[in-house]
Amino acid sequence: MAAELPEFAIAHDEFGDDVRFIGVNTIDSVPVMERFSEERGVTYEQFRDDLAELTDAIEATNFPITLFVTSDGSVIEQTGVIDAEGLRDKINNLQAQEELV
């Protein structure tokens, strides 16, 4: 995930007005998570999943994981490692299909 954070920060800068980015951390304390994200240029929302409830709900087995979610909360796709270009392409494709807002 560390390698992806700067990539997500870039994509957030491009799409943040149209697409909501949220980071979820199940491992680090809040201060560590915040410092780690800040050092990598992340300005979008970060949440702690202390009890791994989200991880369990989506049945995640590998990390990192990226979920693409509609405004009504439906998960329409998920992927593992993705760079800024792949994320940009995915967002553009989903926006063209009007599935991601």
Protein backbone atom coordinates (compact mmCIF):
# COMPACT_ATOMS: atom_id res chain seq x y z
CA MET A 1 0.00 0.00 0.00
CA ALA A 2 2.85 2.39 0.70
CA ALA A 3 3.87 2.43 -2.95
CA GLU A 4 0.30 3.14 -4.02
CA LEU A 5 -0.38 6.11 -1.76
CA PRO A 6 1.50 8.68 -3.86
CA GLU A 7 -0.27 7.30 -6.95
CA PHE A 8 -3.65 7.69 -5.27
CA ALA A 9 -2.71 11.22 -4.15
CA ILE A 10 -2.05 12.10 -7.82
CA ALA A 11 -5.39 10.64 -8.93
CA HIS A 12 -7.19 12.37 -6.06
CA ASP A 13 -5.73 15.71 -7.20
CA GLU A 14 -7.18 15.06 -10.66
CA PHE A 15 -10.56 13.57 -9.74
CA GLY A 16 -11.21 14.68 -6.15
CA ASP A 17 -13.95 17.11 -7.14
CA ASP A 18 -15.91 14.33 -8.88
CA VAL A 19 -14.86 11.12 -7.14
CA ARG A 20 -14.65 10.51 -3.40
CA PHE A 21 -11.45 8.83 -2.28
CA ILE A 22 -11.32 7.09 1.10
CA GLY A 23 -8.44 5.20 2.66
CA VAL A 24 -9.02 2.44 5.20
CA ASN A 25 -6.28 1.15 7.47
CA THR A 26 -6.60 -1.94 9.65
CA ILE A 27 -3.04 -2.02 10.97
CA ASP A 28 -1.57 1.30 12.08
CA SER A 29 -2.58 3.56 14.93
CA VAL A 30 -4.30 6.78 13.91
CA PRO A 31 -1.18 8.96 14.46
CA VAL A 32 1.00 6.57 12.44
CA MET A 33 -1.61 6.31 9.69
CA GLU A 34 -1.98 10.09 9.49
CA ARG A 35 1.77 10.73 9.42
CA PHE A 36 2.38 7.98 6.86
CA SER A 37 -0.35 9.35 4.57
CA GLU A 38 0.74 12.96 4.98
CA GLU A 39 4.34 12.08 4.07
CA ARG A 40 3.04 10.63 0.81
CA GLY A 41 0.85 13.61 -0.13
CA VAL A 42 -2.50 12.04 0.71
CA THR A 43 -5.18 14.60 1.56
CA TYR A 44 -8.31 12.49 1.17
CA GLU A 45 -10.19 10.94 4.10
CA GLN A 46 -8.52 8.19 6.10
CA PHE A 47 -10.34 5.81 8.43
CA ARG A 48 -9.30 3.10 10.88
CA ASP A 49 -10.99 -0.28 10.70
CA ASP A 50 -9.87 -1.44 14.15
CA LEU A 51 -11.91 -4.61 14.16
CA ALA A 52 -11.44 -5.35 10.43
CA GLU A 53 -15.19 -5.14 9.92
CA LEU A 54 -14.88 -3.73 6.40
CA THR A 55 -12.17 -6.22 5.52
CA ASP A 56 -14.37 -9.06 6.72
CA ALA A 57 -17.48 -7.70 4.99
CA ILE A 58 -15.76 -7.56 1.59
CA GLU A 59 -13.99 -10.85 2.25
CA ALA A 60 -10.58 -9.35 1.48
CA THR A 61 -7.76 -11.86 1.44
CA ASN A 62 -4.97 -9.85 -0.22
CA PHE A 63 -3.78 -6.30 0.25
CA PRO A 64 -3.73 -3.69 -1.06
CA ILE A 65 -7.26 -3.73 -2.39
CA THR A 66 -9.08 -0.96 -4.21
CA LEU A 67 -12.85 -0.90 -4.35
CA PHE A 68 -14.85 1.08 -6.87
CA VAL A 69 -18.16 1.97 -5.25
CA THR A 70 -21.22 3.77 -6.60
CA SER A 71 -22.81 6.64 -4.73
CA ASP A 72 -25.43 4.23 -3.35
CA GLY A 73 -22.70 2.04 -1.82
CA SER A 74 -22.66 -0.78 -4.37
CA VAL A 75 -19.23 -2.26 -5.01
CA ILE A 76 -18.97 -2.51 -8.79
CA GLU A 77 -15.37 -3.62 -9.08
CA GLN A 78 -12.26 -4.30 -7.07
CA THR A 79 -8.62 -4.63 -7.90
CA GLY A 80 -5.29 -5.21 -6.24
CA VAL A 81 -2.25 -3.05 -6.89
CA ILE A 82 -3.00 -0.21 -9.28
CA ASP A 83 -0.92 2.78 -10.32
CA ALA A 84 -2.05 6.34 -11.12
CA GLU A 85 -2.44 5.59 -14.83
CA GLY A 86 -4.51 2.46 -14.21
CA LEU A 87 -6.61 4.28 -11.64
CA ARG A 88 -7.12 7.20 -14.02
CA ASP A 89 -8.18 4.83 -16.82
CA LYS A 90 -10.57 2.94 -14.53
CA ILE A 91 -12.18 6.14 -13.24
CA ASN A 92 -12.56 7.56 -16.75
CA ASN A 93 -14.16 4.32 -17.99
CA LEU A 94 -16.57 4.14 -15.07
CA GLN A 95 -17.49 7.81 -15.36
CA ALA A 96 -18.16 7.30 -19.07
CA GLN A 97 -20.54 4.52 -18.06
CA GLU A 98 -21.96 6.86 -15.40
CA GLU A 99 -21.44 4.24 -12.71
CA LEU A 100 -18.99 6.09 -10.50
CA VAL A 101 -19.75 9.48 -8.97
